[in-house]
Amino acid sequence: RQHIIPKKGGYDQILQVLATGGTMVFLADQYAG
C-alpha cells in the first residue's frame, strides 16, 4: 500500500496527500545543495 510520487514535479501531489490527512515518507539524509 505504498505509493510513489516522482521527485521531479511531484510537489502538488504531496500537498494533495497532506490535504486529505495522508502519510508522506521522506528519506531526509541527503545533501540539499
Full PDB file with SEQRES, HELIX, SHEET, SSBOND, CRYST1, ORIGX, SCALE, CONECT and MASTER records, all heavy atoms in Angstrom:
SEQRES   1 A   33  ARG GLN HIS ILE ILE PRO LYS LYS GLY GLY TYR ASP GLN          
SEQRES   2 A   33  ILE LEU GLN VAL LEU ALA THR GLY GLY THR MET VAL PHE          
SEQRES   3 A   33  LEU ALA ASP GLN TYR ALA GLY                                  
HELIX    1 AA1 TYR A   11  ALA A   19  1                                   9    
CRYST1    1.000    1.000    1.000  90.00  90.00  90.00 P 1           1          
ORIGX1      1.000000  0.000000  0.000000        0.00000                         
ORIGX2      0.000000  1.000000  0.000000        0.00000                         
ORIGX3      0.000000  0.000000  1.000000        0.00000                         
SCALE1      1.000000  0.000000  0.000000        0.00000                         
SCALE2      0.000000  1.000000  0.000000        0.00000                         
SCALE3      0.000000  0.000000  1.000000        0.00000                         
ATOM      1  N   ARG A   1       0.832  -1.201   0.000  1.00  0.00           N  
ATOM      2  CA  ARG A   1       0.000   0.000   0.000  1.00  0.00           C  
ATOM      3  C   ARG A   1       0.867   1.252   0.000  1.00  0.00           C  
ATOM      4  O   ARG A   1       0.472   2.293   0.512  1.00  0.00           O  
ATOM      5  CB  ARG A   1      -0.944  -0.023   1.199  1.00  0.00           C  
ATOM      6  CG  ARG A   1      -1.800  -1.271   1.246  1.00  0.00           C  
ATOM      7  CD  ARG A   1      -2.781  -1.281   2.403  1.00  0.00           C  
ATOM      8  NE  ARG A   1      -3.799  -0.251   2.279  1.00  0.00           N  
ATOM      9  CZ  ARG A   1      -4.926  -0.222   2.986  1.00  0.00           C  
ATOM     10  NH1 ARG A   1      -5.168  -1.194   3.857  1.00  0.00           N  
ATOM     11  NH2 ARG A   1      -5.786   0.758   2.854  1.00  0.00           N  
ATOM     12  N   GLN A   2       2.057   1.110  -0.552  1.00  0.00           N  
ATOM     13  CA  GLN A   2       2.949   2.258  -0.677  1.00  0.00           C  
ATOM     14  C   GLN A   2       2.841   2.816  -2.098  1.00  0.00           C  
ATOM     15  O   GLN A   2       2.868   2.061  -3.069  1.00  0.00           O  
ATOM     16  CB  GLN A   2       4.402   1.853  -0.399  1.00  0.00           C  
ATOM     17  CG  GLN A   2       5.373   3.014  -0.471  1.00  0.00           C  
ATOM     18  CD  GLN A   2       6.780   2.624  -0.032  1.00  0.00           C  
ATOM     19  OE1 GLN A   2       7.393   3.273   0.792  1.00  0.00           O  
ATOM     20  NE2 GLN A   2       7.290   1.544  -0.616  1.00  0.00           N  
ATOM     21  N   HIS A   3       2.743   4.123  -2.202  1.00  0.00           N  
ATOM     22  CA  HIS A   3       2.602   4.789  -3.490  1.00  0.00           C  
ATOM     23  C   HIS A   3       3.808   5.707  -3.710  1.00  0.00           C  
ATOM     24  O   HIS A   3       4.292   6.341  -2.773  1.00  0.00           O  
ATOM     25  CB  HIS A   3       1.301   5.593  -3.533  1.00  0.00           C  
ATOM     26  CG  HIS A   3       0.100   4.812  -3.070  1.00  0.00           C  
ATOM     27  ND1 HIS A   3      -0.581   3.954  -3.886  1.00  0.00           N  
ATOM     28  CD2 HIS A   3      -0.521   4.758  -1.859  1.00  0.00           C  
ATOM     29  CE1 HIS A   3      -1.582   3.405  -3.218  1.00  0.00           C  
ATOM     30  NE2 HIS A   3      -1.564   3.875  -1.969  1.00  0.00           N  
ATOM     31  N   ILE A   4       4.265   5.767  -4.947  1.00  0.00           N  
ATOM     32  CA  ILE A   4       5.464   6.532  -5.276  1.00  0.00           C  
ATOM     33  C   ILE A   4       5.084   7.848  -5.946  1.00  0.00           C  
ATOM     34  O   ILE A   4       4.285   7.866  -6.892  1.00  0.00           O  
ATOM     35  CB  ILE A   4       6.403   5.727  -6.196  1.00  0.00           C  
ATOM     36  CG1 ILE A   4       6.812   4.423  -5.510  1.00  0.00           C  
ATOM     37  CG2 ILE A   4       7.641   6.545  -6.545  1.00  0.00           C  
ATOM     38  CD1 ILE A   4       7.547   4.605  -4.202  1.00  0.00           C  
ATOM     39  N   ILE A   5       5.661   8.928  -5.446  1.00  0.00           N  
ATOM     40  CA  ILE A   5       5.494  10.247  -6.044  1.00  0.00           C  
ATOM     41  C   ILE A   5       6.829  10.656  -6.657  1.00  0.00           C  
ATOM     42  O   ILE A   5       7.857  10.583  -5.976  1.00  0.00           O  
ATOM     43  CB  ILE A   5       5.053  11.289  -4.994  1.00  0.00           C  
ATOM     44  CG1 ILE A   5       3.655  10.947  -4.475  1.00  0.00           C  
ATOM     45  CG2 ILE A   5       5.072  12.699  -5.567  1.00  0.00           C  
ATOM     46  CD1 ILE A   5       3.161  11.877  -3.390  1.00  0.00           C  
ATOM     47  N   PRO A   6       6.860  11.054  -7.918  1.00  0.00           N  
ATOM     48  CA  PRO A   6       8.141  11.413  -8.543  1.00  0.00           C  
ATOM     49  C   PRO A   6       8.786  12.612  -7.864  1.00  0.00           C  
ATOM     50  O   PRO A   6       8.097  13.561  -7.465  1.00  0.00           O  
ATOM     51  CB  PRO A   6       7.763  11.714  -9.991  1.00  0.00           C  
ATOM     52  CG  PRO A   6       6.302  12.039  -9.956  1.00  0.00           C  
ATOM     53  CD  PRO A   6       5.727  11.212  -8.846  1.00  0.00           C  
ATOM     54  N   LYS A   7      10.115  12.540  -7.713  1.00  0.00           N  
ATOM     55  CA  LYS A   7      10.838  13.619  -7.061  1.00  0.00           C  
ATOM     56  C   LYS A   7      10.732  14.920  -7.846  1.00  0.00           C  
ATOM     57  O   LYS A   7      10.641  16.009  -7.270  1.00  0.00           O  
ATOM     58  CB  LYS A   7      12.310  13.219  -6.905  1.00  0.00           C  
ATOM     59  CG  LYS A   7      13.142  14.175  -6.075  1.00  0.00           C  
ATOM     60  CD  LYS A   7      14.540  13.632  -5.866  1.00  0.00           C  
ATOM     61  CE  LYS A   7      15.354  14.560  -4.992  1.00  0.00           C  
ATOM     62  NZ  LYS A   7      16.728  14.020  -4.772  1.00  0.00           N  
ATOM     63  N   LYS A   8      10.709  14.813  -9.153  1.00  0.00           N  
ATOM     64  CA  LYS A   8      10.605  15.989 -10.011  1.00  0.00           C  
ATOM     65  C   LYS A   8       9.148  16.204 -10.421  1.00  0.00           C  
ATOM     66  O   LYS A   8       8.542  15.351 -11.052  1.00  0.00           O  
ATOM     67  CB  LYS A   8      11.484  15.822 -11.261  1.00  0.00           C  
ATOM     68  CG  LYS A   8      11.546  17.054 -12.138  1.00  0.00           C  
ATOM     69  CD  LYS A   8      12.507  16.854 -13.302  1.00  0.00           C  
ATOM     70  CE  LYS A   8      12.587  18.107 -14.162  1.00  0.00           C  
ATOM     71  NZ  LYS A   8      13.522  17.932 -15.303  1.00  0.00           N  
ATOM     72  N   GLY A   9       8.600  17.332 -10.022  1.00  0.00           N  
ATOM     73  CA  GLY A   9       7.241  17.667 -10.411  1.00  0.00           C  
ATOM     74  C   GLY A   9       6.152  17.039  -9.559  1.00  0.00           C  
ATOM     75  O   GLY A   9       4.986  17.018  -9.964  1.00  0.00           O  
ATOM     76  N   GLY A  10       6.516  16.529  -8.376  1.00  0.00           N  
ATOM     77  CA  GLY A  10       5.516  15.862  -7.559  1.00  0.00           C  
ATOM     78  C   GLY A  10       5.018  16.667  -6.376  1.00  0.00           C  
ATOM     79  O   GLY A  10       4.292  16.132  -5.528  1.00  0.00           O  
ATOM     80  N   TYR A  11       5.375  17.953  -6.307  1.00  0.00           N  
ATOM     81  CA  TYR A  11       5.022  18.753  -5.133  1.00  0.00           C  
ATOM     82  C   TYR A  11       3.513  18.892  -4.963  1.00  0.00           C  
ATOM     83  O   TYR A  11       2.995  18.797  -3.837  1.00  0.00           O  
ATOM     84  CB  TYR A  11       5.663  20.139  -5.229  1.00  0.00           C  
ATOM     85  CG  TYR A  11       5.476  20.977  -3.984  1.00  0.00           C  
ATOM     86  CD1 TYR A  11       6.109  20.639  -2.793  1.00  0.00           C  
ATOM     87  CD2 TYR A  11       4.647  22.098  -3.991  1.00  0.00           C  
ATOM     88  CE1 TYR A  11       5.935  21.398  -1.636  1.00  0.00           C  
ATOM     89  CE2 TYR A  11       4.470  22.869  -2.843  1.00  0.00           C  
ATOM     90  CZ  TYR A  11       5.121  22.513  -1.680  1.00  0.00           C  
ATOM     91  OH  TYR A  11       4.942  23.262  -0.547  1.00  0.00           O  
ATOM     92  N   ASP A  12       2.784  19.088  -6.059  1.00  0.00           N  
ATOM     93  CA  ASP A  12       1.326  19.208  -5.956  1.00  0.00           C  
ATOM     94  C   ASP A  12       0.704  17.926  -5.417  1.00  0.00           C  
ATOM     95  O   ASP A  12      -0.286  17.978  -4.670  1.00  0.00           O  
ATOM     96  CB  ASP A  12       0.734  19.544  -7.324  1.00  0.00           C  
ATOM     97  CG  ASP A  12       1.064  20.968  -7.761  1.00  0.00           C  
ATOM     98  OD1 ASP A  12       1.410  21.791  -6.887  1.00  0.00           O  
ATOM     99  OD2 ASP A  12       0.994  21.258  -8.973  1.00  0.00           O  
ATOM    100  N   GLN A  13       1.267  16.775  -5.786  1.00  0.00           N  
ATOM    101  CA  GLN A  13       0.744  15.512  -5.260  1.00  0.00           C  
ATOM    102  C   GLN A  13       0.993  15.397  -3.761  1.00  0.00           C  
ATOM    103  O   GLN A  13       0.158  14.871  -3.016  1.00  0.00           O  
ATOM    104  CB  GLN A  13       1.406  14.333  -5.989  1.00  0.00           C  
ATOM    105  CG  GLN A  13       1.082  14.260  -7.474  1.00  0.00           C  
ATOM    106  CD  GLN A  13       1.730  13.057  -8.131  1.00  0.00           C  
ATOM    107  OE1 GLN A  13       1.588  11.929  -7.666  1.00  0.00           O  
ATOM    108  NE2 GLN A  13       2.468  13.290  -9.210  1.00  0.00           N  
ATOM    109  N   ILE A  14       2.155  15.890  -3.314  1.00  0.00           N  
ATOM    110  CA  ILE A  14       2.451  15.875  -1.878  1.00  0.00           C  
ATOM    111  C   ILE A  14       1.423  16.705  -1.119  1.00  0.00           C  
ATOM    112  O   ILE A  14       0.890  16.280  -0.086  1.00  0.00           O  
ATOM    113  CB  ILE A  14       3.868  16.410  -1.618  1.00  0.00           C  
ATOM    114  CG1 ILE A  14       4.907  15.465  -2.218  1.00  0.00           C  
ATOM    115  CG2 ILE A  14       4.115  16.606  -0.124  1.00  0.00           C  
ATOM    116  CD1 ILE A  14       6.332  15.968  -2.123  1.00  0.00           C  
ATOM    117  N   LEU A  15       1.124  17.889  -1.639  1.00  0.00           N  
ATOM    118  CA  LEU A  15       0.134  18.756  -0.992  1.00  0.00           C  
ATOM    119  C   LEU A  15      -1.235  18.098  -0.959  1.00  0.00           C  
ATOM    120  O   LEU A  15      -1.971  18.225   0.031  1.00  0.00           O  
ATOM    121  CB  LEU A  15       0.061  20.098  -1.727  1.00  0.00           C  
ATOM    122  CG  LEU A  15       1.315  20.978  -1.698  1.00  0.00           C  
ATOM    123  CD1 LEU A  15       1.073  22.269  -2.468  1.00  0.00           C  
ATOM    124  CD2 LEU A  15       1.742  21.278  -0.265  1.00  0.00           C  
ATOM    125  N   GLN A  16      -1.581  17.385  -2.016  1.00  0.00           N  
ATOM    126  CA  GLN A  16      -2.873  16.713  -2.062  1.00  0.00           C  
ATOM    127  C   GLN A  16      -2.949  15.594  -1.019  1.00  0.00           C  
ATOM    128  O   GLN A  16      -3.982  15.413  -0.354  1.00  0.00           O  
ATOM    129  CB  GLN A  16      -3.117  16.137  -3.460  1.00  0.00           C  
ATOM    130  CG  GLN A  16      -4.490  15.512  -3.630  1.00  0.00           C  
ATOM    131  CD  GLN A  16      -4.736  15.023  -5.050  1.00  0.00           C  
ATOM    132  OE1 GLN A  16      -3.849  15.099  -5.897  1.00  0.00           O  
ATOM    133  NE2 GLN A  16      -5.924  14.523  -5.293  1.00  0.00           N  
ATOM    134  N   VAL A  17      -1.865  14.847  -0.862  1.00  0.00           N  
ATOM    135  CA  VAL A  17      -1.829  13.775   0.136  1.00  0.00           C  
ATOM    136  C   VAL A  17      -2.020  14.350   1.539  1.00  0.00           C  
ATOM    137  O   VAL A  17      -2.820  13.850   2.342  1.00  0.00           O  
ATOM    138  CB  VAL A  17      -0.503  12.999   0.054  1.00  0.00           C  
ATOM    139  CG1 VAL A  17      -0.350  12.055   1.243  1.00  0.00           C  
ATOM    140  CG2 VAL A  17      -0.427  12.208  -1.245  1.00  0.00           C  
ATOM    141  N   LEU A  18      -1.297  15.420   1.844  1.00  0.00           N  
ATOM    142  CA  LEU A  18      -1.389  16.014   3.179  1.00  0.00           C  
ATOM    143  C   LEU A  18      -2.742  16.674   3.410  1.00  0.00           C  
ATOM    144  O   LEU A  18      -3.256  16.672   4.532  1.00  0.00           O  
ATOM    145  CB  LEU A  18      -0.256  17.031   3.363  1.00  0.00           C  
ATOM    146  CG  LEU A  18       1.167  16.461   3.307  1.00  0.00           C  
ATOM    147  CD1 LEU A  18       2.192  17.562   3.491  1.00  0.00           C  
ATOM    148  CD2 LEU A  18       1.363  15.368   4.352  1.00  0.00           C  
ATOM    149  N   ALA A  19      -3.324  17.237   2.347  1.00  0.00           N  
ATOM    150  CA  ALA A  19      -4.633  17.884   2.488  1.00  0.00           C  
ATOM    151  C   ALA A  19      -5.727  16.889   2.847  1.00  0.00           C  
ATOM    152  O   ALA A  19      -6.731  17.258   3.467  1.00  0.00           O  
ATOM    153  CB  ALA A  19      -4.987  18.612   1.193  1.00  0.00           C  
ATOM    154  N   THR A  20      -5.539  15.633   2.478  1.00  0.00           N  
ATOM    155  CA  THR A  20      -6.523  14.602   2.787  1.00  0.00           C  
ATOM    156  C   THR A  20      -6.148  13.796   4.033  1.00  0.00           C  
ATOM    157  O   THR A  20      -6.730  12.743   4.288  1.00  0.00           O  
ATOM    158  CB  THR A  20      -6.678  13.644   1.594  1.00  0.00           C  
ATOM    159  OG1 THR A  20      -5.399  13.087   1.251  1.00  0.00           O  
ATOM    160  CG2 THR A  20      -7.240  14.383   0.387  1.00  0.00           C  
ATOM    161  N   GLY A  21      -5.148  14.295   4.792  1.00  0.00           N  
ATOM    162  CA  GLY A  21      -4.754  13.618   6.024  1.00  0.00           C  
ATOM    163  C   GLY A  21      -3.912  12.384   5.798  1.00  0.00           C  
ATOM    164  O   GLY A  21      -3.866  11.499   6.667  1.00  0.00           O  
ATOM    165  N   GLY A  22      -3.223  12.314   4.651  1.00  0.00           N  
ATOM    166  CA  GLY A  22      -2.414  11.148   4.326  1.00  0.00           C  
ATOM    167  C   GLY A  22      -1.043  11.160   4.984  1.00  0.00           C  
ATOM    168  O   GLY A  22      -0.705  12.046   5.768  1.00  0.00           O  
ATOM    169  N   THR A  23      -0.247  10.147   4.638  1.00  0.00           N  
ATOM    170  CA  THR A  23       1.080   9.970   5.225  1.00  0.00           C  
ATOM    171  C   THR A  23       2.142  10.041   4.142  1.00  0.00           C  
ATOM    172  O   THR A  23       2.087   9.290   3.153  1.00  0.00           O  
ATOM    173  CB  THR A  23       1.187   8.612   5.937  1.00  0.00           C  
ATOM    174  OG1 THR A  23       0.204   8.545   6.976  1.00  0.00           O  
ATOM    175  CG2 THR A  23       2.561   8.418   6.539  1.00  0.00           C  
ATOM    176  N   MET A  24       3.098  10.936   4.315  1.00  0.00           N  
ATOM    177  CA  MET A  24       4.241  11.063   3.422  1.00  0.00           C  
ATOM    178  C   MET A  24       5.484  10.486   4.102  1.00  0.00           C  
ATOM    179  O   MET A  24       5.671  10.648   5.309  1.00  0.00           O  
ATOM    180  CB  MET A  24       4.505  12.525   3.067  1.00  0.00           C  
ATOM    181  CG  MET A  24       3.516  13.148   2.108  1.00  0.00           C  
ATOM    182  SD  MET A  24       3.497  12.385   0.450  1.00  0.00           S  
ATOM    183  CE  MET A  24       5.251  12.334   0.050  1.00  0.00           C  
ATOM    184  N   VAL A  25       6.318   9.819   3.315  1.00  0.00           N  
ATOM    185  CA  VAL A  25       7.566   9.248   3.825  1.00  0.00           C  
ATOM    186  C   VAL A  25       8.735   9.922   3.107  1.00  0.00           C  
ATOM    187  O   VAL A  25       8.759   9.988   1.873  1.00  0.00           O  
ATOM    188  CB  VAL A  25       7.625   7.726   3.596  1.00  0.00           C  
ATOM    189  CG1 VAL A  25       8.946   7.159   4.115  1.00  0.00           C  
ATOM    190  CG2 VAL A  25       6.445   7.038   4.273  1.00  0.00           C  
ATOM    191  N   PHE A  26       9.685  10.429   3.880  1.00  0.00           N  
ATOM    192  CA  PHE A  26      10.857  11.105   3.318  1.00  0.00           C  
ATOM    193  C   PHE A  26      12.132  10.464   3.858  1.00  0.00           C  
ATOM    194  O   PHE A  26      12.235  10.176   5.059  1.00  0.00           O  
ATOM    195  CB  PHE A  26      10.871  12.589   3.695  1.00  0.00           C  
ATOM    196  CG  PHE A  26       9.734  13.391   3.130  1.00  0.00           C  
ATOM    197  CD1 PHE A  26       8.611  13.665   3.904  1.00  0.00           C  
ATOM    198  CD2 PHE A  26       9.781  13.883   1.832  1.00  0.00           C  
ATOM    199  CE1 PHE A  26       7.565  14.409   3.394  1.00  0.00           C  
ATOM    200  CE2 PHE A  26       8.736  14.621   1.318  1.00  0.00           C  
ATOM    201  CZ  PHE A  26       7.625  14.892   2.093  1.00  0.00           C  
ATOM    202  N   LEU A  27      13.100  10.249   2.978  1.00  0.00           N  
ATOM    203  CA  LEU A  27      14.456   9.904   3.393  1.00  0.00           C  
ATOM    204  C   LEU A  27      15.232  11.212   3.431  1.00  0.00           C  
ATOM    205  O   LEU A  27      15.593  11.765   2.393  1.00  0.00           O  
ATOM    206  CB  LEU A  27      15.089   8.909   2.418  1.00  0.00           C  
ATOM    207  CG  LEU A  27      14.371   7.548   2.315  1.00  0.00           C  
ATOM    208  CD1 LEU A  27      15.093   6.648   1.321  1.00  0.00           C  
ATOM    209  CD2 LEU A  27      14.284   6.865   3.675  1.00  0.00           C  
ATOM    210  N   ALA A  28      15.466  11.715   4.639  1.00  0.00           N  
ATOM    211  CA  ALA A  28      15.907  13.100   4.812  1.00  0.00           C  
ATOM    212  C   ALA A  28      17.380  13.221   5.164  1.00  0.00           C  
ATOM    213  O   ALA A  28      17.771  14.053   5.975  1.00  0.00           O  
ATOM    214  CB  ALA A  28      15.059  13.771   5.900  1.00  0.00           C  
ATOM    215  N   ASP A  29      18.219  12.398   4.543  1.00  0.00           N  
ATOM    216  CA  ASP A  29      19.634  12.411   4.918  1.00  0.00           C  
ATOM    217  C   ASP A  29      20.558  12.720   3.740  1.00  0.00           C  
ATOM    218  O   ASP A  29      21.748  12.419   3.799  1.00  0.00           O  
ATOM    219  CB  ASP A  29      20.024  11.060   5.511  1.00  0.00           C  
ATOM    220  CG  ASP A  29      19.841   9.926   4.518  1.00  0.00           C  
ATOM    221  OD1 ASP A  29      18.873   9.957   3.735  1.00  0.00           O  
ATOM    222  OD2 ASP A  29      20.665   8.993   4.520  1.00  0.00           O  
ATOM    223  N   GLN A  30      20.033  13.323   2.680  1.00  0.00           N  
ATOM    224  CA  GLN A  30      20.859  13.614   1.521  1.00  0.00           C  
ATOM    225  C   GLN A  30      21.168  15.102   1.408  1.00  0.00           C  
ATOM    226  O   GLN A  30      20.430  15.949   1.918  1.00  0.00           O  
ATOM    227  CB  GLN A  30      20.175  13.118   0.240  1.00  0.00           C  
ATOM    228  CG  GLN A  30      20.165  11.600   0.127  1.00  0.00           C  
ATOM    229  CD  GLN A  30      19.627  11.127  -1.214  1.00  0.00           C  
ATOM    230  OE1 GLN A  30      18.515  11.453  -1.598  1.00  0.00           O  
ATOM    231  NE2 GLN A  30      20.409  10.356  -1.928  1.00  0.00           N  
ATOM    232  N   TYR A  31      22.260  15.392   0.716  1.00  0.00           N  
ATOM    233  CA  TYR A  31      22.719  16.764   0.521  1.00  0.00           C  
ATOM    234  C   TYR A  31      21.653  17.570  -0.219  1.00  0.00           C  
ATOM    235  O   TYR A  31      21.154  17.153  -1.259  1.00  0.00           O  
ATOM    236  CB  TYR A  31      24.026  16.737  -0.267  1.00  0.00           C  
ATOM    237  CG  TYR A  31      24.572  18.090  -0.644  1.00  0.00           C  
ATOM    238  CD1 TYR A  31      25.064  18.960   0.322  1.00  0.00           C  
ATOM    239  CD2 TYR A  31      24.627  18.486  -1.981  1.00  0.00           C  
ATOM    240  CE1 TYR A  31      25.583  20.193  -0.027  1.00  0.00           C  
ATOM    241  CE2 TYR A  31      25.147  19.718  -2.337  1.00  0.00           C  
ATOM    242  CZ  TYR A  31      25.632  20.562  -1.352  1.00  0.00           C  
ATOM    243  OH  TYR A  31      26.150  21.781  -1.704  1.00  0.00           O  
ATOM    244  N   ALA A  32      21.319  18.755   0.308  1.00  0.00           N  
ATOM    245  CA  ALA A  32      20.242  19.570  -0.260  1.00  0.00           C  
ATOM    246  C   ALA A  32      20.747  20.785  -1.026  1.00  0.00           C  
ATOM    247  O   ALA A  32      19.955  21.670  -1.350  1.00  0.00           O  
ATOM    248  CB  ALA A  32      19.299  20.016   0.854  1.00  0.00           C  
ATOM    249  N   GLY A  33      22.038  20.850  -1.305  1.00  0.00           N  
ATOM    250  CA  GLY A  33      22.565  21.979  -2.072  1.00  0.00           C  
ATOM    251  C   GLY A  33      22.987  23.130  -1.174  1.00  0.00           C  
ATOM    252  O   GLY A  33      22.686  23.179   0.022  1.00  0.00           O  
TER     253      GLY A  33                                                      
MASTER        0    0    0    1    0    0    0    6  252    1    0    3          
END                                                                             
